[in-house]
């Protein structure tokens, strides 16, 4: 969808998306810098849409990451308790013994699945932010995949407040 927006607004919207990469330099930079850029130009509906989308996506990715880490910790605890109840789990300087090797196969499968999910989350984050930046620089709207809308997006192009819309509906019915 093409919107009528000036070049500086497209640039700010693109920088809102690019600023999410600051998480690799500063802790929580993916929340702080997009929030600063978004609030600076929040009156523009185009920048407002892209700012809300970027923040919602980053919050969602953070929650998905925390969920996967919690599942990983729970899995390691489960297998640790499983090893201690069934067979001795011995770690010494020369070897690690778990009793039966088939016990470790399920742990390795679990770790591999968790690793692929974390890698997929990382790739999704990189690709989606790059696509959103390109769409914003072209003046198009973009909706991130797998996003939970914590900050409700507004309709671009509908600049009437709810009171004005209500009054217009009332006037049309009279």
C-alpha atoms as a PDB file:
ATOM      1  CA  UNK A   1       0.000   0.000   0.000  1.00  0.00           C
ATOM      2  CA  UNK A   2       1.449   3.327  -1.050  1.00  0.00           C
ATOM      3  CA  UNK A   3       1.074   6.306   1.226  1.00  0.00           C
ATOM      4  CA  UNK A   4       1.668   9.975   0.605  1.00  0.00           C
ATOM      5  CA  UNK A   5       4.590  10.799   2.836  1.00  0.00           C
ATOM      6  CA  UNK A   6       7.538  13.123   2.431  1.00  0.00           C
ATOM      7  CA  UNK A   7      11.085  11.835   2.099  1.00  0.00           C
ATOM      8  CA  UNK A   8      12.156  12.825   5.636  1.00  0.00           C
ATOM      9  CA  UNK A   9       9.232  10.821   7.055  1.00  0.00           C
ATOM     10  CA  UNK A  10      10.286   7.781   5.040  1.00  0.00           C
ATOM     11  CA  UNK A  11      13.827   8.221   6.283  1.00  0.00           C
ATOM     12  CA  UNK A  12      12.788   8.455   9.927  1.00  0.00           C
ATOM     13  CA  UNK A  13      10.574   5.384   9.534  1.00  0.00           C
ATOM     14  CA  UNK A  14      13.475   3.463   7.979  1.00  0.00           C
ATOM     15  CA  UNK A  15      15.784   4.539  10.798  1.00  0.00           C
ATOM     16  CA  UNK A  16      13.223   3.382  13.363  1.00  0.00           C
ATOM     17  CA  UNK A  17      13.557  -0.131  11.947  1.00  0.00           C
ATOM     18  CA  UNK A  18      17.338   0.043  11.567  1.00  0.00           C
ATOM     19  CA  UNK A  19      17.757   1.281  15.127  1.00  0.00           C
ATOM     20  CA  UNK A  20      16.554  -2.104  16.380  1.00  0.00           C
ATOM     21  CA  UNK A  21      19.964  -3.501  15.423  1.00  0.00           C
ATOM     22  CA  UNK A  22      21.432  -1.431  18.260  1.00  0.00           C
ATOM     23  CA  UNK A  23      20.652  -4.375  20.557  1.00  0.00           C
ATOM     24  CA  UNK A  24      23.908  -5.893  19.368  1.00  0.00           C
ATOM     25  CA  UNK A  25      25.809  -2.889  20.766  1.00  0.00           C
ATOM     26  CA  UNK A  26      23.747  -1.769  23.780  1.00  0.00           C
ATOM     27  CA  UNK A  27      21.525  -3.786  26.106  1.00  0.00           C
ATOM     28  CA  UNK A  28      17.864  -3.083  25.307  1.00  0.00           C
ATOM     29  CA  UNK A  29      18.916  -0.737  22.506  1.00  0.00           C
ATOM     30  CA  UNK A  30      16.289  -2.398  20.317  1.00  0.00           C
ATOM     31  CA  UNK A  31      13.636  -0.825  22.569  1.00  0.00           C
ATOM     32  CA  UNK A  32      15.250   2.475  23.545  1.00  0.00           C
ATOM     33  CA  UNK A  33      16.409   3.871  20.183  1.00  0.00           C
ATOM     34  CA  UNK A  34      13.255   3.028  18.168  1.00  0.00           C
ATOM     35  CA  UNK A  35      11.176   4.494  21.001  1.00  0.00           C
ATOM     36  CA  UNK A  36      13.158   7.753  20.887  1.00  0.00           C
ATOM     37  CA  UNK A  37      12.861   8.034  17.097  1.00  0.00           C
ATOM     38  CA  UNK A  38       9.192   7.088  17.110  1.00  0.00           C
ATOM     39  CA  UNK A  39       8.194   9.575  19.803  1.00  0.00           C
ATOM     40  CA  UNK A  40      10.094  12.362  18.044  1.00  0.00           C
ATOM     41  CA  UNK A  41       7.899  12.036  14.920  1.00  0.00           C
ATOM     42  CA  UNK A  42       4.832  10.354  16.408  1.00  0.00           C
ATOM     43  CA  UNK A  43       2.445  12.928  14.925  1.00  0.00           C
ATOM     44  CA  UNK A  44       3.152  11.653  11.408  1.00  0.00           C
ATOM     45  CA  UNK A  45       0.837   8.653  10.792  1.00  0.00           C
ATOM     46  CA  UNK A  46       3.417   6.900   8.588  1.00  0.00           C
ATOM     47  CA  UNK A  47       6.182   7.078  11.214  1.00  0.00           C
ATOM     48  CA  UNK A  48       3.628   6.244  13.919  1.00  0.00           C
ATOM     49  CA  UNK A  49       2.652   3.033  12.112  1.00  0.00           C
ATOM     50  CA  UNK A  50       6.256   1.941  11.551  1.00  0.00           C
ATOM     51  CA  UNK A  51       7.297   2.851  15.096  1.00  0.00           C
ATOM     52  CA  UNK A  52       4.503   0.804  16.620  1.00  0.00           C
ATOM     53  CA  UNK A  53       5.241  -2.123  14.328  1.00  0.00           C
ATOM     54  CA  UNK A  54       8.965  -2.062  15.145  1.00  0.00           C
ATOM     55  CA  UNK A  55       8.406  -1.899  18.903  1.00  0.00           C
ATOM     56  CA  UNK A  56       5.723  -4.594  18.859  1.00  0.00           C
ATOM     57  CA  UNK A  57       8.003  -6.889  16.875  1.00  0.00           C
ATOM     58  CA  UNK A  58      10.977  -6.351  19.178  1.00  0.00           C
ATOM     59  CA  UNK A  59       8.872  -6.978  22.288  1.00  0.00           C
ATOM     60  CA  UNK A  60       7.470 -10.129  20.668  1.00  0.00           C
ATOM     61  CA  UNK A  61      10.921 -11.409  19.698  1.00  0.00           C
ATOM     62  CA  UNK A  62      12.162 -10.760  23.240  1.00  0.00           C
ATOM     63  CA  UNK A  63       9.270 -12.732  24.710  1.00  0.00           C
ATOM     64  CA  UNK A  64       9.774 -15.603  22.251  1.00  0.00           C
ATOM     65  CA  UNK A  65      13.475 -15.690  23.193  1.00  0.00           C
ATOM     66  CA  UNK A  66      12.672 -15.741  26.916  1.00  0.00           C
ATOM     67  CA  UNK A  67      10.138 -18.530  26.323  1.00  0.00           C
ATOM     68  CA  UNK A  68      12.696 -20.656  24.459  1.00  0.00           C
ATOM     69  CA  UNK A  69      15.331 -20.071  27.150  1.00  0.00           C
ATOM     70  CA  UNK A  70      12.857 -21.102  29.868  1.00  0.00           C
ATOM     71  CA  UNK A  71      11.954 -24.233  27.912  1.00  0.00           C
ATOM     72  CA  UNK A  72      15.674 -24.981  27.555  1.00  0.00           C
ATOM     73  CA  UNK A  73      16.318 -24.564  31.266  1.00  0.00           C
ATOM     74  CA  UNK A  74      13.305 -26.732  32.092  1.00  0.00           C
ATOM     75  CA  UNK A  75      14.528 -29.393  29.673  1.00  0.00           C
ATOM     76  CA  UNK A  76      18.026 -29.445  31.136  1.00  0.00           C
ATOM     77  CA  UNK A  77      16.592 -29.707  34.659  1.00  0.00           C
ATOM     78  CA  UNK A  78      14.294 -32.512  33.511  1.00  0.00           C
ATOM     79  CA  UNK A  79      17.153 -34.491  32.003  1.00  0.00           C
ATOM     80  CA  UNK A  80      19.374 -33.768  35.002  1.00  0.00           C
ATOM     81  CA  UNK A  81      16.760 -35.175  37.361  1.00  0.00           C
ATOM     82  CA  UNK A  82      16.177 -38.070  34.971  1.00  0.00           C
ATOM     83  CA  UNK A  83      19.862 -38.965  34.964  1.00  0.00           C
ATOM     84  CA  UNK A  84      20.112 -38.789  38.736  1.00  0.00           C
ATOM     85  CA  UNK A  85      17.077 -40.991  39.337  1.00  0.00           C
ATOM     86  CA  UNK A  86      17.842 -43.784  36.895  1.00  0.00           C
ATOM     87  CA  UNK A  87      21.594 -44.064  36.419  1.00  0.00           C
ATOM     88  CA  UNK A  88      24.593 -42.363  37.944  1.00  0.00           C
ATOM     89  CA  UNK A  89      25.753 -39.221  36.173  1.00  0.00           C
ATOM     90  CA  UNK A  90      29.483 -39.062  36.798  1.00  0.00           C
ATOM     91  CA  UNK A  91      31.771 -36.304  35.622  1.00  0.00           C
ATOM     92  CA  UNK A  92      35.456 -36.625  36.338  1.00  0.00           C
ATOM     93  CA  UNK A  93      38.638 -35.341  34.806  1.00  0.00           C
ATOM     94  CA  UNK A  94      38.823 -38.128  32.230  1.00  0.00           C
ATOM     95  CA  UNK A  95      35.258 -38.990  31.261  1.00  0.00           C
ATOM     96  CA  UNK A  96      31.551 -38.335  31.557  1.00  0.00           C
ATOM     97  CA  UNK A  97      29.344 -41.315  32.319  1.00  0.00           C
ATOM     98  CA  UNK A  98      25.567 -41.280  32.124  1.00  0.00           C
ATOM     99  CA  UNK A  99      24.937 -44.974  32.444  1.00  0.00           C
ATOM    100  CA  UNK A 100      23.125 -45.719  29.172  1.00  0.00           C
ATOM    101  CA  UNK A 101      23.988 -43.781  25.974  1.00  0.00           C
ATOM    102  CA  UNK A 102      20.348 -43.769  24.843  1.00  0.00           C
ATOM    103  CA  UNK A 103      19.637 -41.279  27.654  1.00  0.00           C
ATOM    104  CA  UNK A 104      21.829 -38.696  25.953  1.00  0.00           C
ATOM    105  CA  UNK A 105      20.221 -39.083  22.527  1.00  0.00           C
ATOM    106  CA  UNK A 106      16.999 -37.445  23.664  1.00  0.00           C
ATOM    107  CA  UNK A 107      18.982 -34.633  25.300  1.00  0.00           C
ATOM    108  CA  UNK A 108      20.908 -33.997  22.073  1.00  0.00           C
ATOM    109  CA  UNK A 109      17.695 -34.035  20.015  1.00  0.00           C
ATOM    110  CA  UNK A 110      16.114 -31.569  22.453  1.00  0.00           C
ATOM    111  CA  UNK A 111      19.188 -29.313  22.316  1.00  0.00           C
ATOM    112  CA  UNK A 112      19.253 -29.470  18.498  1.00  0.00           C
ATOM    113  CA  UNK A 113      15.563 -28.542  18.188  1.00  0.00           C
ATOM    114  CA  UNK A 114      16.008 -25.703  20.650  1.00  0.00           C
ATOM    115  CA  UNK A 115      19.103 -24.518  18.790  1.00  0.00           C
ATOM    116  CA  UNK A 116      17.264 -24.533  15.443  1.00  0.00           C
ATOM    117  CA  UNK A 117      14.361 -22.583  16.964  1.00  0.00           C
ATOM    118  CA  UNK A 118      16.740 -19.976  18.392  1.00  0.00           C
ATOM    119  CA  UNK A 119      18.584 -19.740  15.066  1.00  0.00           C
ATOM    120  CA  UNK A 120      15.263 -19.379  13.241  1.00  0.00           C
ATOM    121  CA  UNK A 121      14.246 -16.602  15.625  1.00  0.00           C
ATOM    122  CA  UNK A 122      17.543 -14.816  14.957  1.00  0.00           C
ATOM    123  CA  UNK A 123      17.188 -15.140  11.165  1.00  0.00           C
ATOM    124  CA  UNK A 124      13.552 -14.002  11.312  1.00  0.00           C
ATOM    125  CA  UNK A 125      14.596 -10.942  13.287  1.00  0.00           C
ATOM    126  CA  UNK A 126      17.320  -9.969  10.811  1.00  0.00           C
ATOM    127  CA  UNK A 127      15.273 -10.609   7.648  1.00  0.00           C
ATOM    128  CA  UNK A 128      12.075  -8.976   8.908  1.00  0.00           C
ATOM    129  CA  UNK A 129      13.870  -5.815  10.052  1.00  0.00           C
ATOM    130  CA  UNK A 130      15.655  -5.511   6.699  1.00  0.00           C
ATOM    131  CA  UNK A 131      12.376  -5.991   4.792  1.00  0.00           C
ATOM    132  CA  UNK A 132      10.619  -3.448   7.008  1.00  0.00           C
ATOM    133  CA  UNK A 133      13.418  -0.936   6.435  1.00  0.00           C
ATOM    134  CA  UNK A 134      13.165  -1.376   2.664  1.00  0.00           C
ATOM    135  CA  UNK A 135       9.367  -1.016   2.717  1.00  0.00           C
ATOM    136  CA  UNK A 136       9.587   2.100   4.911  1.00  0.00           C
ATOM    137  CA  UNK A 137      12.166   3.715   2.645  1.00  0.00           C
ATOM    138  CA  UNK A 138       9.880   3.038  -0.341  1.00  0.00           C
ATOM    139  CA  UNK A 139       6.963   4.686   1.464  1.00  0.00           C
ATOM    140  CA  UNK A 140       4.997   1.464   1.960  1.00  0.00           C
ATOM    141  CA  UNK A 141       3.423   0.085   5.108  1.00  0.00           C
ATOM    142  CA  UNK A 142       4.813  -3.123   6.588  1.00  0.00           C
ATOM    143  CA  UNK A 143       3.427  -5.577   9.123  1.00  0.00           C
ATOM    144  CA  UNK A 144       5.930  -7.850  10.829  1.00  0.00           C
ATOM    145  CA  UNK A 145       5.187 -11.590  10.992  1.00  0.00           C
ATOM    146  CA  UNK A 146       4.532 -13.323  14.348  1.00  0.00           C
ATOM    147  CA  UNK A 147       3.950  -9.998  16.092  1.00  0.00           C
ATOM    148  CA  UNK A 148       1.858  -9.573  19.206  1.00  0.00           C
ATOM    149  CA  UNK A 149       0.270  -6.107  19.175  1.00  0.00           C
ATOM    150  CA  UNK A 150       1.113  -4.661  22.573  1.00  0.00           C
ATOM    151  CA  UNK A 151       0.904  -1.127  21.187  1.00  0.00           C
ATOM    152  CA  UNK A 152      -2.252  -1.013  19.084  1.00  0.00           C
ATOM    153  CA  UNK A 153      -1.565   0.131  15.514  1.00  0.00           C
ATOM    154  CA  UNK A 154      -3.683   2.939  14.121  1.00  0.00           C
ATOM    155  CA  UNK A 155      -5.172   3.079  10.661  1.00  0.00           C
ATOM    156  CA  UNK A 156      -3.014   5.190   8.356  1.00  0.00           C
ATOM    157  CA  UNK A 157      -5.131   7.619   6.375  1.00  0.00           C
ATOM    158  CA  UNK A 158      -7.899   7.884   8.964  1.00  0.00           C
ATOM    159  CA  UNK A 159      -6.993  11.096  10.788  1.00  0.00           C
ATOM    160  CA  UNK A 160     -10.367  11.661  12.457  1.00  0.00           C
ATOM    161  CA  UNK A 161     -10.689  11.173  16.173  1.00  0.00           C
ATOM    162  CA  UNK A 162     -13.352   8.837  17.531  1.00  0.00           C
ATOM    163  CA  UNK A 163     -15.441  11.850  18.602  1.00  0.00           C
ATOM    164  CA  UNK A 164     -15.321  13.313  15.094  1.00  0.00           C
ATOM    165  CA  UNK A 165     -16.299   9.961  13.616  1.00  0.00           C
ATOM    166  CA  UNK A 166     -19.173   9.667  16.084  1.00  0.00           C
ATOM    167  CA  UNK A 167     -20.363  13.198  15.301  1.00  0.00           C
ATOM    168  CA  UNK A 168     -20.199  12.505  11.552  1.00  0.00           C
ATOM    169  CA  UNK A 169     -22.265   9.344  12.014  1.00  0.00           C
ATOM    170  CA  UNK A 170     -24.787  11.260  14.116  1.00  0.00           C
ATOM    171  CA  UNK A 171     -25.060  14.001  11.484  1.00  0.00           C
ATOM    172  CA  UNK A 172     -25.576  11.445   8.712  1.00  0.00           C
ATOM    173  CA  UNK A 173     -28.421   9.732  10.586  1.00  0.00           C
ATOM    174  CA  UNK A 174     -30.246  13.046  11.229  1.00  0.00           C
END
